[in-house]
Amino acid sequence: MRVRLRNRKTGLYYAACDRWVPDPAWALDFDEIEHPGLLAFEEGATELEVVVSDEDTNCWLALPVRLEWHGGRVARVAA
């Protein structure tokens, strides 16, 4: 399973600080689903989504990131 951060407006994937790429194969693969949400909060970014994909089955799921403070957590991925 792969976990990536994508800009919903541009369709580009996060690769590194201020670097976005068009191909998900070149994007940073996060260890856990919470990590891209935390990065989005730290950067103050909006219009982002976490894309979870399974390349074996060619299935993917995009979840919007909502920037909010809730119960001590600084960001969450909306389900």
N, C-alpha and C. Protein backbone atom coordinates (compact mmCIF):
# COMPACT_ATOMS: atom_id res chain seq x y z
N MET A 1 0.84 -1.18 0.00
CA MET A 1 0.00 0.00 0.00
C MET A 1 0.89 1.24 0.00
N ARG A 2 0.47 2.24 -0.76
CA ARG A 2 1.21 3.50 -0.87
C ARG A 2 0.34 4.63 -0.33
N VAL A 3 0.96 5.59 0.36
CA VAL A 3 0.26 6.74 0.91
C VAL A 3 0.95 8.00 0.41
N ARG A 4 0.21 8.81 -0.35
CA ARG A 4 0.79 10.02 -0.95
C ARG A 4 -0.11 11.22 -0.68
N LEU A 5 0.47 12.40 -0.85
CA LEU A 5 -0.27 13.65 -0.68
C LEU A 5 -0.42 14.30 -2.04
N ARG A 6 -1.66 14.68 -2.40
CA ARG A 6 -1.93 15.27 -3.71
C ARG A 6 -2.69 16.59 -3.56
N ASN A 7 -2.35 17.54 -4.41
CA ASN A 7 -3.08 18.80 -4.48
C ASN A 7 -4.30 18.57 -5.35
N ARG A 8 -5.49 18.82 -4.78
CA ARG A 8 -6.73 18.55 -5.52
C ARG A 8 -6.90 19.47 -6.72
N LYS A 9 -6.40 20.69 -6.64
CA LYS A 9 -6.58 21.64 -7.75
C LYS A 9 -5.64 21.34 -8.92
N THR A 10 -4.38 21.06 -8.61
CA THR A 10 -3.39 20.87 -9.67
C THR A 10 -3.22 19.41 -10.09
N GLY A 11 -3.57 18.48 -9.19
CA GLY A 11 -3.35 17.07 -9.46
C GLY A 11 -1.91 16.63 -9.23
N LEU A 12 -1.06 17.53 -8.72
CA LEU A 12 0.34 17.21 -8.48
C LEU A 12 0.51 16.54 -7.12
N TYR A 13 1.54 15.69 -7.02
CA TYR A 13 1.85 14.95 -5.81
C TYR A 13 3.05 15.55 -5.11
N TYR A 14 3.04 15.50 -3.77
CA TYR A 14 4.13 16.03 -2.96
C TYR A 14 5.34 15.12 -3.06
N ALA A 15 6.49 15.72 -3.41
CA ALA A 15 7.73 14.96 -3.51
C ALA A 15 8.74 15.37 -2.44
N ALA A 16 8.78 16.66 -2.12
CA ALA A 16 9.71 17.20 -1.13
C ALA A 16 9.29 18.64 -0.85
N CYS A 17 9.98 19.28 0.05
CA CYS A 17 9.66 20.66 0.42
C CYS A 17 9.55 21.54 -0.83
N ASP A 18 8.37 22.10 -1.06
CA ASP A 18 8.10 22.96 -2.21
C ASP A 18 8.34 22.28 -3.56
N ARG A 19 8.26 20.97 -3.61
CA ARG A 19 8.45 20.24 -4.86
C ARG A 19 7.27 19.31 -5.08
N TRP A 20 6.55 19.54 -6.16
CA TRP A 20 5.38 18.75 -6.51
C TRP A 20 5.60 18.14 -7.89
N VAL A 21 5.18 16.91 -8.08
CA VAL A 21 5.44 16.19 -9.33
C VAL A 21 4.13 15.63 -9.90
N PRO A 22 4.08 15.46 -11.23
CA PRO A 22 2.85 14.95 -11.85
C PRO A 22 2.66 13.44 -11.74
N ASP A 23 3.74 12.71 -11.57
CA ASP A 23 3.67 11.25 -11.56
C ASP A 23 3.73 10.73 -10.12
N PRO A 24 2.72 9.97 -9.68
CA PRO A 24 2.74 9.47 -8.31
C PRO A 24 3.94 8.57 -8.01
N ALA A 25 4.54 7.96 -9.01
CA ALA A 25 5.71 7.12 -8.80
C ALA A 25 6.90 7.94 -8.31
N TRP A 26 6.92 9.24 -8.59
CA TRP A 26 8.02 10.12 -8.17
C TRP A 26 7.72 10.79 -6.83
N ALA A 27 6.53 10.61 -6.30
CA ALA A 27 6.10 11.29 -5.08
C ALA A 27 6.63 10.59 -3.83
N LEU A 28 6.66 11.35 -2.75
CA LEU A 28 7.05 10.81 -1.45
C LEU A 28 5.97 9.83 -0.99
N ASP A 29 6.39 8.66 -0.54
CA ASP A 29 5.48 7.65 -0.01
C ASP A 29 5.58 7.71 1.52
N PHE A 30 4.49 8.11 2.17
CA PHE A 30 4.47 8.27 3.61
C PHE A 30 4.30 6.91 4.29
N ASP A 31 4.86 6.79 5.50
CA ASP A 31 4.77 5.53 6.25
C ASP A 31 3.38 5.27 6.80
N GLU A 32 2.70 6.34 7.23
CA GLU A 32 1.38 6.20 7.84
C GLU A 32 0.43 7.24 7.27
N ILE A 33 -0.86 6.94 7.31
CA ILE A 33 -1.86 7.82 6.72
C ILE A 33 -1.94 9.17 7.43
N GLU A 34 -1.56 9.25 8.71
CA GLU A 34 -1.62 10.50 9.45
C GLU A 34 -0.51 11.47 9.05
N HIS A 35 0.60 10.98 8.57
CA HIS A 35 1.76 11.83 8.29
C HIS A 35 1.50 12.92 7.24
N PRO A 36 0.84 12.63 6.12
CA PRO A 36 0.59 13.72 5.17
C PRO A 36 -0.36 14.78 5.74
N GLY A 37 -1.29 14.38 6.60
CA GLY A 37 -2.18 15.35 7.25
C GLY A 37 -1.41 16.29 8.16
N LEU A 38 -0.46 15.75 8.90
CA LEU A 38 0.37 16.59 9.76
C LEU A 38 1.23 17.54 8.94
N LEU A 39 1.77 17.06 7.85
CA LEU A 39 2.56 17.91 6.96
C LEU A 39 1.71 19.04 6.40
N ALA A 40 0.50 18.74 5.99
CA ALA A 40 -0.40 19.77 5.46
C ALA A 40 -0.68 20.84 6.51
N PHE A 41 -0.88 20.42 7.76
CA PHE A 41 -1.13 21.39 8.82
C PHE A 41 0.09 22.27 9.05
N GLU A 42 1.27 21.66 9.11
CA GLU A 42 2.51 22.41 9.35
C GLU A 42 2.75 23.43 8.25
N GLU A 43 2.41 23.08 7.02
CA GLU A 43 2.61 23.98 5.88
C GLU A 43 1.46 24.97 5.72
N GLY A 44 0.36 24.76 6.46
CA GLY A 44 -0.81 25.62 6.32
C GLY A 44 -1.47 25.46 4.96
N ALA A 45 -1.30 24.30 4.37
CA ALA A 45 -1.79 24.06 3.02
C ALA A 45 -3.26 23.66 3.01
N THR A 46 -3.94 24.05 1.97
CA THR A 46 -5.33 23.67 1.77
C THR A 46 -5.47 22.97 0.42
N GLU A 47 -6.65 22.47 0.15
CA GLU A 47 -6.93 21.80 -1.13
C GLU A 47 -6.06 20.56 -1.34
N LEU A 48 -5.77 19.86 -0.24
CA LEU A 48 -4.96 18.65 -0.35
C LEU A 48 -5.78 17.42 -0.02
N GLU A 49 -5.32 16.29 -0.51
CA GLU A 49 -5.95 15.02 -0.19
C GLU A 49 -4.89 13.95 -0.05
N VAL A 50 -5.17 12.98 0.78
CA VAL A 50 -4.31 11.83 0.94
C VAL A 50 -4.81 10.75 -0.02
N VAL A 51 -3.91 10.24 -0.81
CA VAL A 51 -4.26 9.19 -1.77
C VAL A 51 -3.62 7.89 -1.30
N VAL A 52 -4.46 6.91 -1.02
CA VAL A 52 -4.01 5.59 -0.60
C VAL A 52 -4.24 4.65 -1.77
N SER A 53 -3.20 3.95 -2.17
CA SER A 53 -3.35 3.08 -3.33
C SER A 53 -2.71 1.72 -3.08
N ASP A 54 -3.26 0.75 -3.76
CA ASP A 54 -2.73 -0.61 -3.75
C ASP A 54 -2.42 -0.95 -5.20
N GLU A 55 -1.15 -1.00 -5.50
CA GLU A 55 -0.75 -1.21 -6.89
C GLU A 55 -1.00 -2.64 -7.37
N ASP A 56 -1.11 -3.58 -6.44
CA ASP A 56 -1.40 -4.97 -6.84
C ASP A 56 -2.81 -5.10 -7.41
N THR A 57 -3.76 -4.37 -6.82
CA THR A 57 -5.15 -4.47 -7.27
C THR A 57 -5.56 -3.27 -8.13
N ASN A 58 -4.66 -2.29 -8.26
CA ASN A 58 -4.93 -1.08 -9.03
C ASN A 58 -6.13 -0.30 -8.46
N CYS A 59 -6.27 -0.33 -7.12
CA CYS A 59 -7.33 0.40 -6.44
C CYS A 59 -6.72 1.58 -5.69
N TRP A 60 -7.48 2.67 -5.61
CA TRP A 60 -7.02 3.82 -4.84
C TRP A 60 -8.20 4.53 -4.20
N LEU A 61 -7.88 5.28 -3.16
CA LEU A 61 -8.88 6.02 -2.40
C LEU A 61 -8.29 7.39 -2.06
N ALA A 62 -9.03 8.46 -2.36
CA ALA A 62 -8.58 9.82 -2.05
C ALA A 62 -9.42 10.37 -0.91
N LEU A 63 -8.75 10.83 0.13
CA LEU A 63 -9.42 11.38 1.31
C LEU A 63 -9.00 12.83 1.51
N PRO A 64 -9.94 13.77 1.61
CA PRO A 64 -9.56 15.17 1.81
C PRO A 64 -8.94 15.39 3.18
N VAL A 65 -7.97 16.29 3.25
CA VAL A 65 -7.36 16.66 4.51
C VAL A 65 -8.07 17.89 5.02
N ARG A 66 -8.54 17.82 6.26
CA ARG A 66 -9.18 18.96 6.90
C ARG A 66 -8.24 19.47 7.98
N LEU A 67 -7.90 20.75 7.90
CA LEU A 67 -6.99 21.34 8.86
C LEU A 67 -7.79 21.87 10.03
N GLU A 68 -7.64 21.23 11.17
CA GLU A 68 -8.38 21.65 12.35
C GLU A 68 -7.69 21.14 13.59
N TRP A 69 -8.03 21.74 14.72
CA TRP A 69 -7.54 21.26 16.01
C TRP A 69 -8.69 20.51 16.66
N HIS A 70 -8.46 19.26 17.01
CA HIS A 70 -9.52 18.46 17.58
C HIS A 70 -8.92 17.48 18.60
N GLY A 71 -9.21 17.72 19.85
CA GLY A 71 -8.79 16.77 20.88
C GLY A 71 -7.29 16.56 20.93
N GLY A 72 -6.52 17.62 20.73
CA GLY A 72 -5.07 17.50 20.79
C GLY A 72 -4.43 17.09 19.49
N ARG A 73 -5.22 16.78 18.49
CA ARG A 73 -4.67 16.42 17.19
C ARG A 73 -4.73 17.64 16.29
N VAL A 74 -3.70 17.91 15.54
CA VAL A 74 -3.65 19.13 14.75
C VAL A 74 -4.22 18.98 13.34
N ALA A 75 -4.34 17.79 12.88
CA ALA A 75 -4.90 17.58 11.54
C ALA A 75 -5.50 16.19 11.47
N ARG A 76 -6.41 16.03 10.56
CA ARG A 76 -6.96 14.69 10.39
C ARG A 76 -7.34 14.48 8.93
N VAL A 77 -7.42 13.26 8.55
CA VAL A 77 -7.89 12.91 7.23
C VAL A 77 -9.37 12.61 7.34
N ALA A 78 -10.17 13.29 6.56
CA ALA A 78 -11.62 13.06 6.60
C ALA A 78 -11.97 11.75 5.94
N ALA A 79 -12.92 11.07 6.51
CA ALA A 79 -13.35 9.80 5.92
C ALA A 79 -14.72 9.97 5.31
